[in-house]
Amino acid sequence: KVAPKAAGRAPLPRWVPVLLAVAAAVLVIAGSQLLSPADDGLRLKGKQTVELLRDSAPVGRARVGDLLSLAVGAGGQRAVGVFVVDEQGEVALLLPSTLVAAGSRVVVGGPLQVTPGSISVVACFGDHPLGLDSLRAELSASVARAKQAPLDAAAPAGCAKTRLEVLP
């Protein structure tokens, strides 16, 4: 028995499905290259920044209990690690080494609840995930040199700093 021919349609040549599959594979590969960041040696220029945000606006003062976000601008770098320095000069890791989009301001980590005591936030940047132990030691040494004003201690090279005054 012969199946009836579809009205008005000629059968597709055998090579058409193969050509469509190859074209789809090329599109998938090209699309993934366009969407994933390439390490082509080019970097966006810009200032490295660290900010505490309330409703997407930078703040320098907050009240105990306020919820803030942490944002960094990585300049031409791709990795950031963030420390906090309190009024007693204690240095603590706030955000482990994290990859971020080079050049853009991005919110990192979750919401931060403000607790009593003013702080300095120090974000350190690099091309690759950071070894934070040496940066922490360098920051701690700077804080020790600042003695009576730990929040005014200089940030290590390659780091940006902001200060948050906490109001009761």
Protein backbone atom coordinates (compact mmCIF):
# COMPACT_ATOMS: atom_id res chain seq x y z
CA LYS A 1 0.00 0.00 0.00
CA VAL A 2 1.25 3.47 -0.81
CA ALA A 3 0.52 6.38 1.52
CA PRO A 4 -1.21 9.30 -0.09
CA LYS A 5 1.07 12.21 -0.96
CA ALA A 6 0.64 15.38 1.16
CA ALA A 7 -1.21 17.91 -0.90
CA GLY A 8 0.96 20.76 -2.18
CA ARG A 9 4.18 19.74 -0.39
CA ALA A 10 7.33 18.39 -1.88
CA PRO A 11 9.42 16.15 0.39
CA LEU A 12 12.48 17.82 1.96
CA PRO A 13 15.88 16.77 0.66
CA ARG A 14 17.81 14.52 3.07
CA TRP A 15 20.49 17.16 3.76
CA VAL A 16 18.06 19.83 5.09
CA PRO A 17 17.64 18.33 8.61
CA VAL A 18 21.42 17.92 8.88
CA LEU A 19 21.96 21.53 7.82
CA LEU A 20 19.40 22.74 10.39
CA ALA A 21 21.10 20.75 13.17
CA VAL A 22 24.52 22.19 12.27
CA ALA A 23 23.10 25.73 12.15
CA ALA A 24 21.47 25.26 15.57
CA ALA A 25 24.75 24.01 17.07
CA VAL A 26 26.65 27.00 15.65
CA LEU A 27 24.05 29.38 17.12
CA VAL A 28 24.27 27.74 20.55
CA ILE A 29 28.08 27.92 20.60
CA ALA A 30 28.20 31.51 19.32
CA GLY A 31 25.47 32.58 21.72
CA SER A 32 27.22 31.08 24.73
CA GLN A 33 30.44 32.89 23.76
CA LEU A 34 28.58 36.19 23.55
CA LEU A 35 26.79 35.73 26.86
CA SER A 36 29.72 34.47 28.96
CA PRO A 37 32.46 36.88 29.99
CA ALA A 38 35.62 36.24 28.06
CA ASP A 39 39.04 36.86 29.53
CA ASP A 40 40.39 38.69 26.51
CA GLY A 41 42.70 40.92 28.52
CA LEU A 42 40.46 43.95 28.09
CA ARG A 43 39.16 45.63 31.23
CA LEU A 44 36.69 48.41 31.79
CA LYS A 45 38.22 51.33 33.54
CA GLY A 46 36.62 52.94 36.51
CA LYS A 47 37.08 53.65 40.14
CA GLN A 48 36.89 50.79 42.60
CA THR A 49 34.18 51.58 45.14
CA VAL A 50 32.39 50.13 48.13
CA GLU A 51 29.06 51.49 49.33
CA LEU A 52 26.39 50.71 51.85
CA LEU A 53 22.95 51.27 50.35
CA ARG A 54 19.47 51.92 51.66
CA ASP A 55 16.81 51.69 48.94
CA SER A 56 19.59 51.74 46.29
CA ALA A 57 21.02 55.05 47.58
CA PRO A 58 24.45 55.26 49.28
CA VAL A 59 24.37 56.07 53.00
CA GLY A 60 27.01 57.24 55.47
CA ARG A 61 24.72 57.15 58.51
CA ALA A 62 22.21 54.60 59.68
CA ARG A 63 20.31 53.65 62.81
CA VAL A 64 20.62 50.43 64.78
CA GLY A 65 18.25 47.90 63.22
CA ASP A 66 18.30 49.41 59.71
CA LEU A 67 18.77 46.97 56.82
CA LEU A 68 21.43 47.91 54.29
CA SER A 69 22.90 46.37 51.16
CA LEU A 70 26.56 46.15 50.25
CA ALA A 71 27.53 47.27 46.74
CA VAL A 72 30.91 47.27 45.05
CA GLY A 73 32.19 48.79 41.84
CA ALA A 74 35.04 46.60 40.71
CA GLY A 75 36.60 48.98 38.21
CA GLY A 76 38.68 46.77 35.93
CA GLN A 77 38.89 43.89 38.39
CA ARG A 78 36.88 40.66 38.60
CA ALA A 79 37.14 39.60 42.25
CA VAL A 80 36.33 41.28 45.56
CA GLY A 81 36.68 40.41 49.22
CA VAL A 82 35.21 42.68 51.93
CA PHE A 83 36.30 43.35 55.51
CA VAL A 84 34.73 45.38 58.30
CA VAL A 85 36.65 47.32 60.96
CA ASP A 86 34.83 48.24 64.17
CA GLU A 87 35.48 51.05 66.66
CA GLN A 88 37.72 48.78 68.78
CA GLY A 89 39.95 48.04 65.79
CA GLU A 90 38.75 44.48 65.23
CA VAL A 91 39.01 43.36 61.60
CA ALA A 92 36.50 40.77 60.41
CA LEU A 93 35.78 39.21 57.02
CA LEU A 94 32.38 40.36 55.80
CA LEU A 95 32.39 38.79 52.32
CA PRO A 96 34.80 36.06 51.16
CA SER A 97 36.49 36.42 47.79
CA THR A 98 33.71 36.63 45.22
CA LEU A 99 33.75 37.04 41.44
CA VAL A 100 31.88 40.09 40.17
CA ALA A 101 31.31 41.74 36.80
CA ALA A 102 34.30 43.94 35.98
CA GLY A 103 33.48 47.63 35.91
CA SER A 104 29.93 47.58 37.15
CA ARG A 105 28.39 48.42 40.52
CA VAL A 106 26.77 45.30 41.89
CA VAL A 107 25.08 44.42 45.14
CA VAL A 108 26.87 41.52 46.82
CA GLY A 109 25.85 39.37 49.76
CA GLY A 110 22.52 39.55 51.54
CA PRO A 111 20.94 42.32 53.58
CA LEU A 112 23.02 43.61 56.49
CA GLN A 113 21.38 44.63 59.76
CA VAL A 114 23.02 47.61 61.44
CA THR A 115 24.23 46.92 65.00
CA PRO A 116 25.58 49.42 67.56
CA GLY A 117 28.94 51.01 66.80
CA SER A 118 30.28 52.79 63.75
CA ILE A 119 32.33 50.81 61.21
CA SER A 120 34.58 51.10 58.19
CA VAL A 121 33.98 48.72 55.29
CA VAL A 122 37.02 47.85 53.17
CA ALA A 123 36.64 46.09 49.81
CA CYS A 124 39.77 44.65 48.18
CA PHE A 125 39.87 43.88 44.46
CA GLY A 126 41.91 41.69 42.11
CA ASP A 127 41.86 39.92 38.75
CA HIS A 128 41.45 36.47 40.31
CA PRO A 129 39.96 35.13 43.55
CA LEU A 130 41.84 36.81 46.37
CA GLY A 131 44.09 35.39 49.06
CA LEU A 132 42.44 37.28 51.89
CA ASP A 133 44.79 36.26 54.73
CA SER A 134 47.57 38.60 53.58
CA LEU A 135 45.09 41.44 52.93
CA ARG A 136 43.58 40.96 56.38
CA ALA A 137 47.06 41.05 57.96
CA GLU A 138 47.91 44.23 56.03
CA LEU A 139 44.63 45.89 57.06
CA SER A 140 45.09 44.80 60.67
CA ALA A 141 48.60 46.33 60.69
CA SER A 142 47.20 49.59 59.31
CA VAL A 143 44.50 49.60 62.01
CA ALA A 144 47.15 48.99 64.70
CA ARG A 145 49.17 51.95 63.41
CA ALA A 146 46.04 54.16 63.56
CA LYS A 147 45.80 53.41 67.33
CA GLN A 148 43.16 55.87 68.60
CA ALA A 149 41.26 56.09 65.30
CA PRO A 150 40.93 52.56 63.87
CA LEU A 151 38.10 53.62 61.54
CA ASP A 152 40.47 56.10 59.90
CA ALA A 153 43.13 53.48 59.12
CA ALA A 154 44.37 53.45 55.55
CA ALA A 155 43.05 50.70 53.29
CA PRO A 156 45.64 48.44 51.60
CA ALA A 157 46.60 49.15 47.98
CA GLY A 158 43.92 47.86 45.61
CA CYS A 159 41.18 48.38 48.20
CA ALA A 160 38.36 50.92 48.57
CA LYS A 161 36.87 52.07 51.86
CA THR A 162 33.67 53.61 53.18
CA ARG A 163 32.58 54.54 56.67
CA LEU A 164 29.21 54.10 58.35
CA GLU A 165 28.29 56.22 61.34
CA VAL A 166 25.75 54.33 63.42
CA LEU A 167 23.18 56.42 65.26
CA PRO A 168 21.27 55.11 68.28
